[in-house]
Amino acid sequence: MTATPIATVAIMSRSPWADTGLFLREFVRDPLHTAALAPSSPALAAAMAASLPGTGAPVVVELGPGTGAFTGVIQERTGGRALHIAVELNPGWAQLLAQRHPQVEVVLADARELPALLADRGIAAVDAIVSGLPWVAYSPGPDGRGLHTMITEALAPHGVFTQFAYIWTRWAPPARRQLADLRAHFAEVVISRPVWRNLPPAVVYEARQPQRRHGD
């Protein structure tokens, strides 16, 4: 798929119940890629954005923003100064996000297109990547490269990557494999305390010091 900018669409309701309805519908339609029954809570969004630079004009990439649970908090945390690119695969959610956050560059694309979309914009490295993607998105693609490899290549040496995981899935084999892969790609991975005010409760993985792994 070619990365495609999204035009603004008609105003849609931003009530939490409306967004929950959208998630439920998408979960039923495609549970493998949605992997959530409801949008992330403000408490989880705050935990995900806590590590972002609060000064300057950082470059922030958001992967799988959905209906924008983290998007507004990222804007608040960075004071609206960030070059903020949101990469969303679901066309309906991409349209909704562009309408809600016109200051954010919303791109309809697969997260695996990250290297190309950054190159197209002349961006050599980013300061932070915030991911709302399910673990399945990190599996190796047809070329054998996993998404963690692309993320570490995109980040600046000082960059930070944040990803959340639901507590009840953390000990499942797929989640454990992905956490091991995350630790293989970053020198430092810190797991937050549980965020109980989320449905379901979650933790945040904060990864720093990206490691370039030759041969990935």
C-alpha atoms as a PDB file:
ATOM      1  CA  MET A   1       0.000   0.000   0.000  1.00  0.00           C
ATOM      2  CA  THR A   2       1.218   3.491  -0.775  1.00  0.00           C
ATOM      3  CA  ALA A   3       1.148   5.959   2.107  1.00  0.00           C
ATOM      4  CA  THR A   4      -1.685   8.380   1.433  1.00  0.00           C
ATOM      5  CA  PRO A   5      -2.463  11.679   3.228  1.00  0.00           C
ATOM      6  CA  ILE A   6      -6.028  11.817   4.508  1.00  0.00           C
ATOM      7  CA  ALA A   7      -8.381  14.691   3.789  1.00  0.00           C
ATOM      8  CA  THR A   8     -10.598  16.181   6.475  1.00  0.00           C
ATOM      9  CA  VAL A   9     -14.057  14.618   6.683  1.00  0.00           C
ATOM     10  CA  ALA A  10     -17.373  15.580   8.185  1.00  0.00           C
ATOM     11  CA  ILE A  11     -17.456  16.142  11.943  1.00  0.00           C
ATOM     12  CA  MET A  12     -18.231  13.004  13.946  1.00  0.00           C
ATOM     13  CA  SER A  13     -19.140  12.569  17.599  1.00  0.00           C
ATOM     14  CA  ARG A  14     -16.253  12.367  20.037  1.00  0.00           C
ATOM     15  CA  SER A  15     -18.158  10.888  22.960  1.00  0.00           C
ATOM     16  CA  PRO A  16     -16.394   7.949  24.672  1.00  0.00           C
ATOM     17  CA  TRP A  17     -19.446   5.785  24.043  1.00  0.00           C
ATOM     18  CA  ALA A  18     -19.337   6.542  20.329  1.00  0.00           C
ATOM     19  CA  ASP A  19     -15.660   5.579  20.154  1.00  0.00           C
ATOM     20  CA  THR A  20     -16.305   2.417  22.125  1.00  0.00           C
ATOM     21  CA  GLY A  21     -18.978   1.516  19.609  1.00  0.00           C
ATOM     22  CA  LEU A  22     -16.478   2.013  16.788  1.00  0.00           C
ATOM     23  CA  PHE A  23     -13.958  -0.267  18.489  1.00  0.00           C
ATOM     24  CA  LEU A  24     -16.538  -2.972  19.135  1.00  0.00           C
ATOM     25  CA  ARG A  25     -17.609  -2.911  15.508  1.00  0.00           C
ATOM     26  CA  GLU A  26     -14.024  -3.110  14.239  1.00  0.00           C
ATOM     27  CA  PHE A  27     -13.140  -5.818  16.761  1.00  0.00           C
ATOM     28  CA  VAL A  28     -15.987  -7.987  15.510  1.00  0.00           C
ATOM     29  CA  ARG A  29     -15.000  -7.298  11.900  1.00  0.00           C
ATOM     30  CA  ASP A  30     -11.257  -7.883  12.344  1.00  0.00           C
ATOM     31  CA  PRO A  31     -10.208  -8.986  15.877  1.00  0.00           C
ATOM     32  CA  LEU A  32      -6.670  -9.876  14.800  1.00  0.00           C
ATOM     33  CA  HIS A  33      -5.773  -6.294  13.869  1.00  0.00           C
ATOM     34  CA  THR A  34      -8.012  -4.358  16.260  1.00  0.00           C
ATOM     35  CA  ALA A  35      -7.265  -6.494  19.349  1.00  0.00           C
ATOM     36  CA  ALA A  36      -9.150  -4.137  21.702  1.00  0.00           C
ATOM     37  CA  LEU A  37     -12.754  -3.782  22.746  1.00  0.00           C
ATOM     38  CA  ALA A  38     -12.529  -0.110  23.702  1.00  0.00           C
ATOM     39  CA  PRO A  39     -10.265   2.918  23.244  1.00  0.00           C
ATOM     40  CA  SER A  40      -7.423   3.405  25.708  1.00  0.00           C
ATOM     41  CA  SER A  41      -8.239   5.466  28.798  1.00  0.00           C
ATOM     42  CA  PRO A  42      -6.872   8.946  29.641  1.00  0.00           C
ATOM     43  CA  ALA A  43      -4.775   7.312  32.383  1.00  0.00           C
ATOM     44  CA  LEU A  44      -3.081   4.979  29.913  1.00  0.00           C
ATOM     45  CA  ALA A  45      -2.645   7.805  27.403  1.00  0.00           C
ATOM     46  CA  ALA A  46      -0.891   9.905  30.050  1.00  0.00           C
ATOM     47  CA  ALA A  47       1.453   7.009  30.865  1.00  0.00           C
ATOM     48  CA  MET A  48       2.241   6.476  27.185  1.00  0.00           C
ATOM     49  CA  ALA A  49       3.115  10.148  26.625  1.00  0.00           C
ATOM     50  CA  ALA A  50       4.995  10.752  29.885  1.00  0.00           C
ATOM     51  CA  SER A  51       8.392  10.010  28.337  1.00  0.00           C
ATOM     52  CA  LEU A  52       7.996  12.376  25.376  1.00  0.00           C
ATOM     53  CA  PRO A  53      10.124  15.531  25.233  1.00  0.00           C
ATOM     54  CA  GLY A  54       8.303  18.424  26.867  1.00  0.00           C
ATOM     55  CA  THR A  55      10.487  21.092  25.274  1.00  0.00           C
ATOM     56  CA  GLY A  56      11.708  21.907  21.785  1.00  0.00           C
ATOM     57  CA  ALA A  57      10.039  20.717  18.600  1.00  0.00           C
ATOM     58  CA  PRO A  58      10.459  16.925  18.539  1.00  0.00           C
ATOM     59  CA  VAL A  59       9.552  14.599  15.696  1.00  0.00           C
ATOM     60  CA  VAL A  60       6.968  12.120  16.987  1.00  0.00           C
ATOM     61  CA  VAL A  61       5.522   9.178  15.066  1.00  0.00           C
ATOM     62  CA  GLU A  62       2.356   7.510  16.302  1.00  0.00           C
ATOM     63  CA  LEU A  63       1.686   3.989  15.032  1.00  0.00           C
ATOM     64  CA  GLY A  64      -1.855   2.631  15.088  1.00  0.00           C
ATOM     65  CA  PRO A  65      -3.513   5.704  16.675  1.00  0.00           C
ATOM     66  CA  GLY A  66      -7.036   4.348  16.181  1.00  0.00           C
ATOM     67  CA  THR A  67      -9.584   6.987  17.162  1.00  0.00           C
ATOM     68  CA  GLY A  68      -6.901   9.164  18.777  1.00  0.00           C
ATOM     69  CA  ALA A  69      -6.811   8.182  22.454  1.00  0.00           C
ATOM     70  CA  PHE A  70      -3.096   9.057  22.584  1.00  0.00           C
ATOM     71  CA  THR A  71      -3.029  11.723  19.867  1.00  0.00           C
ATOM     72  CA  GLY A  72      -4.416  14.627  21.853  1.00  0.00           C
ATOM     73  CA  VAL A  73      -2.262  13.806  24.881  1.00  0.00           C
ATOM     74  CA  ILE A  74       0.844  13.745  22.674  1.00  0.00           C
ATOM     75  CA  GLN A  75      -0.069  17.201  21.413  1.00  0.00           C
ATOM     76  CA  GLU A  76      -0.560  18.468  24.967  1.00  0.00           C
ATOM     77  CA  ARG A  77       2.692  16.921  26.189  1.00  0.00           C
ATOM     78  CA  THR A  78       4.710  18.492  23.357  1.00  0.00           C
ATOM     79  CA  GLY A  79       2.885  21.819  23.551  1.00  0.00           C
ATOM     80  CA  GLY A  80       1.710  21.456  19.954  1.00  0.00           C
ATOM     81  CA  ARG A  81       5.289  22.056  18.761  1.00  0.00           C
ATOM     82  CA  ALA A  82       6.001  18.519  17.567  1.00  0.00           C
ATOM     83  CA  LEU A  83       6.101  17.376  13.989  1.00  0.00           C
ATOM     84  CA  HIS A  84       3.517  14.705  14.693  1.00  0.00           C
ATOM     85  CA  ILE A  85       2.883  11.970  12.120  1.00  0.00           C
ATOM     86  CA  ALA A  86       0.135   9.426  12.790  1.00  0.00           C
ATOM     87  CA  VAL A  87       0.210   6.215  10.719  1.00  0.00           C
ATOM     88  CA  GLU A  88      -3.130   4.394  10.629  1.00  0.00           C
ATOM     89  CA  LEU A  89      -4.114   1.380   8.514  1.00  0.00           C
ATOM     90  CA  ASN A  90      -7.882   1.599   9.059  1.00  0.00           C
ATOM     91  CA  PRO A  91      -9.336   4.100   6.514  1.00  0.00           C
ATOM     92  CA  GLY A  92     -12.319   5.043   8.671  1.00  0.00           C
ATOM     93  CA  TRP A  93     -10.203   5.753  11.720  1.00  0.00           C
ATOM     94  CA  ALA A  94      -7.665   7.677   9.639  1.00  0.00           C
ATOM     95  CA  GLN A  95     -10.451   9.942   8.367  1.00  0.00           C
ATOM     96  CA  LEU A  96     -11.814  10.438  11.870  1.00  0.00           C
ATOM     97  CA  LEU A  97      -8.365  11.233  13.238  1.00  0.00           C
ATOM     98  CA  ALA A  98      -7.656  13.794  10.513  1.00  0.00           C
ATOM     99  CA  GLN A  99     -10.939  15.541  11.299  1.00  0.00           C
ATOM    100  CA  ARG A 100     -10.274  15.605  15.039  1.00  0.00           C
ATOM    101  CA  HIS A 101      -6.607  16.635  14.862  1.00  0.00           C
ATOM    102  CA  PRO A 102      -5.953  18.803  11.794  1.00  0.00           C
ATOM    103  CA  GLN A 103      -2.577  19.831  13.244  1.00  0.00           C
ATOM    104  CA  VAL A 104      -1.383  16.211  12.970  1.00  0.00           C
ATOM    105  CA  GLU A 105      -0.258  14.695   9.682  1.00  0.00           C
ATOM    106  CA  VAL A 106      -2.398  11.576   9.372  1.00  0.00           C
ATOM    107  CA  VAL A 107      -1.160   8.999   6.867  1.00  0.00           C
ATOM    108  CA  LEU A 108      -3.134   5.982   5.690  1.00  0.00           C
ATOM    109  CA  ALA A 109      -0.468   3.270   5.598  1.00  0.00           C
ATOM    110  CA  ASP A 110       0.824   0.087   7.145  1.00  0.00           C
ATOM    111  CA  ALA A 111       3.318   0.657   9.964  1.00  0.00           C
ATOM    112  CA  ARG A 112       5.851  -1.363   7.957  1.00  0.00           C
ATOM    113  CA  GLU A 113       5.998   1.525   5.495  1.00  0.00           C
ATOM    114  CA  LEU A 114       7.662   3.658   8.173  1.00  0.00           C
ATOM    115  CA  PRO A 115      11.106   3.789   6.479  1.00  0.00           C
ATOM    116  CA  ALA A 116       9.588   4.927   3.181  1.00  0.00           C
ATOM    117  CA  LEU A 117       7.277   7.552   4.605  1.00  0.00           C
ATOM    118  CA  LEU A 118      10.086   9.087   6.651  1.00  0.00           C
ATOM    119  CA  ALA A 119      12.379   9.100   3.611  1.00  0.00           C
ATOM    120  CA  ASP A 120       9.665  10.778   1.519  1.00  0.00           C
ATOM    121  CA  ARG A 121       9.563  13.602   4.091  1.00  0.00           C
ATOM    122  CA  GLY A 122      13.334  13.941   4.393  1.00  0.00           C
ATOM    123  CA  ILE A 123      13.283  12.836   8.036  1.00  0.00           C
ATOM    124  CA  ALA A 124      16.541  11.124   9.009  1.00  0.00           C
ATOM    125  CA  ALA A 125      15.571  10.234  12.584  1.00  0.00           C
ATOM    126  CA  VAL A 126      12.679  10.706  14.978  1.00  0.00           C
ATOM    127  CA  ASP A 127      12.693  11.559  18.679  1.00  0.00           C
ATOM    128  CA  ALA A 128       9.840   9.327  19.785  1.00  0.00           C
ATOM    129  CA  ILE A 129       7.577   6.579  18.507  1.00  0.00           C
ATOM    130  CA  VAL A 130       4.316   5.822  20.332  1.00  0.00           C
ATOM    131  CA  SER A 131       2.598   2.583  19.392  1.00  0.00           C
ATOM    132  CA  GLY A 132      -0.960   1.445  19.858  1.00  0.00           C
ATOM    133  CA  LEU A 133      -0.430  -1.586  17.618  1.00  0.00           C
ATOM    134  CA  PRO A 134      -1.301  -5.144  18.661  1.00  0.00           C
ATOM    135  CA  TRP A 135       1.576  -7.569  19.194  1.00  0.00           C
ATOM    136  CA  VAL A 136       0.752  -9.383  15.950  1.00  0.00           C
ATOM    137  CA  ALA A 137       1.934  -6.309  14.036  1.00  0.00           C
ATOM    138  CA  TYR A 138       5.518  -6.937  15.186  1.00  0.00           C
ATOM    139  CA  SER A 139       5.886 -10.362  13.585  1.00  0.00           C
ATOM    140  CA  PRO A 140       8.425 -10.591  10.736  1.00  0.00           C
ATOM    141  CA  GLY A 141       7.099  -9.567   7.330  1.00  0.00           C
ATOM    142  CA  PRO A 142       7.653 -11.252   3.962  1.00  0.00           C
ATOM    143  CA  ASP A 143      11.192  -9.856   3.895  1.00  0.00           C
ATOM    144  CA  GLY A 144      11.973 -11.396   7.280  1.00  0.00           C
ATOM    145  CA  ARG A 145      12.311  -8.005   8.969  1.00  0.00           C
ATOM    146  CA  GLY A 146      10.319  -7.340  12.108  1.00  0.00           C
ATOM    147  CA  LEU A 147       8.768  -3.983  12.970  1.00  0.00           C
ATOM    148  CA  HIS A 148      11.086  -3.509  15.950  1.00  0.00           C
ATOM    149  CA  THR A 149      14.012  -3.424  13.513  1.00  0.00           C
ATOM    150  CA  MET A 150      12.379  -0.646  11.500  1.00  0.00           C
ATOM    151  CA  ILE A 151      11.599   1.280  14.688  1.00  0.00           C
ATOM    152  CA  THR A 152      15.160   1.155  15.988  1.00  0.00           C
ATOM    153  CA  GLU A 153      16.457   2.268  12.588  1.00  0.00           C
ATOM    154  CA  ALA A 154      14.048   5.219  12.574  1.00  0.00           C
ATOM    155  CA  LEU A 155      14.836   6.441  16.092  1.00  0.00           C
ATOM    156  CA  ALA A 156      17.594   8.887  16.960  1.00  0.00           C
ATOM    157  CA  PRO A 157      20.146   7.540  19.489  1.00  0.00           C
ATOM    158  CA  HIS A 158      18.363   9.469  22.248  1.00  0.00           C
ATOM    159  CA  GLY A 159      14.934   8.408  20.995  1.00  0.00           C
ATOM    160  CA  VAL A 160      12.259   6.625  23.015  1.00  0.00           C
ATOM    161  CA  PHE A 161       9.708   4.007  22.004  1.00  0.00           C
ATOM    162  CA  THR A 162       6.557   3.303  24.031  1.00  0.00           C
ATOM    163  CA  GLN A 163       4.152   0.385  23.643  1.00  0.00           C
ATOM    164  CA  PHE A 164       1.421  -0.850  25.961  1.00  0.00           C
ATOM    165  CA  ALA A 165       0.320  -4.383  26.773  1.00  0.00           C
ATOM    166  CA  TYR A 166      -2.750  -5.654  28.574  1.00  0.00           C
ATOM    167  CA  ILE A 167      -1.952  -7.287  31.891  1.00  0.00           C
ATOM    168  CA  TRP A 168      -4.032 -10.359  31.172  1.00  0.00           C
ATOM    169  CA  THR A 169      -2.067 -11.125  27.963  1.00  0.00           C
ATOM    170  CA  ARG A 170       1.454 -10.365  29.217  1.00  0.00           C
ATOM    171  CA  TRP A 171       2.287 -13.964  30.082  1.00  0.00           C
ATOM    172  CA  ALA A 172       0.924 -15.515  26.903  1.00  0.00           C
ATOM    173  CA  PRO A 173       3.648 -16.962  24.628  1.00  0.00           C
ATOM    174  CA  PRO A 174       3.154 -14.391  21.794  1.00  0.00           C
ATOM    175  CA  ALA A 175       3.480 -11.473  24.212  1.00  0.00           C
ATOM    176  CA  ARG A 176       6.533 -12.989  25.875  1.00  0.00           C
ATOM    177  CA  ARG A 177       8.204 -13.517  22.513  1.00  0.00           C
ATOM    178  CA  GLN A 178       7.527  -9.938  21.506  1.00  0.00           C
ATOM    179  CA  LEU A 179       8.869  -8.593  24.796  1.00  0.00           C
ATOM    180  CA  ALA A 180      12.042 -10.624  24.297  1.00  0.00           C
ATOM    181  CA  ASP A 181      12.336  -9.170  20.791  1.00  0.00           C
ATOM    182  CA  LEU A 182      11.843  -5.670  22.184  1.00  0.00           C
ATOM    183  CA  ARG A 183      14.643  -6.248  24.700  1.00  0.00           C
ATOM    184  CA  ALA A 184      16.878  -7.544  21.910  1.00  0.00           C
ATOM    185  CA  HIS A 185      16.442  -4.270  20.023  1.00  0.00           C
ATOM    186  CA  PHE A 186      16.825  -1.815  22.929  1.00  0.00           C
ATOM    187  CA  ALA A 187      19.482  -1.610  25.623  1.00  0.00           C
ATOM    188  CA  GLU A 188      16.951  -0.347  28.169  1.00  0.00           C
ATOM    189  CA  VAL A 189      13.337  -1.505  28.550  1.00  0.00           C
ATOM    190  CA  VAL A 190      11.355  -0.341  31.582  1.00  0.00           C
ATOM    191  CA  ILE A 191       7.909  -1.731  32.415  1.00  0.00           C
ATOM    192  CA  SER A 192       5.551   0.618  34.223  1.00  0.00           C
ATOM    193  CA  ARG A 193       3.332  -0.142  37.160  1.00  0.00           C
ATOM    194  CA  PRO A 194      -0.108  -1.408  36.147  1.00  0.00           C
ATOM    195  CA  VAL A 195      -2.492   1.226  34.854  1.00  0.00           C
ATOM    196  CA  TRP A 196      -5.648  -0.002  36.566  1.00  0.00           C
ATOM    197  CA  ARG A 197      -7.824   2.773  35.167  1.00  0.00           C
ATOM    198  CA  ASN A 198      -8.003   1.174  31.758  1.00  0.00           C
ATOM    199  CA  LEU A 199     -10.234  -1.500  30.249  1.00  0.00           C
ATOM    200  CA  PRO A 200      -8.545  -3.917  30.539  1.00  0.00           C
ATOM    201  CA  PRO A 201      -5.704  -2.825  32.858  1.00  0.00           C
ATOM    202  CA  ALA A 202      -2.380  -2.389  31.100  1.00  0.00           C
ATOM    203  CA  VAL A 203       1.323  -1.667  31.497  1.00  0.00           C
ATOM    204  CA  VAL A 204       3.575   0.546  29.402  1.00  0.00           C
ATOM    205  CA  TYR A 205       6.907  -0.584  27.954  1.00  0.00           C
ATOM    206  CA  GLU A 206       9.349   2.320  27.661  1.00  0.00           C
ATOM    207  CA  ALA A 207      12.353   1.428  25.489  1.00  0.00           C
ATOM    208  CA  ARG A 208      15.506   3.502  25.023  1.00  0.00           C
ATOM    209  CA  GLN A 209      18.956   3.217  23.438  1.00  0.00           C
ATOM    210  CA  PRO A 210      17.971   1.552  20.164  1.00  0.00           C
ATOM    211  CA  GLN A 211      20.376  -1.151  19.022  1.00  0.00           C
ATOM    212  CA  ARG A 212      21.093  -1.514  15.279  1.00  0.00           C
ATOM    213  CA  ARG A 213      21.142  -5.254  14.624  1.00  0.00           C
ATOM    214  CA  HIS A 214      22.990  -6.119  11.430  1.00  0.00           C
ATOM    215  CA  GLY A 215      21.445  -8.934   9.443  1.00  0.00           C
ATOM    216  CA  ASP A 216      17.826  -8.318  10.566  1.00  0.00           C
END
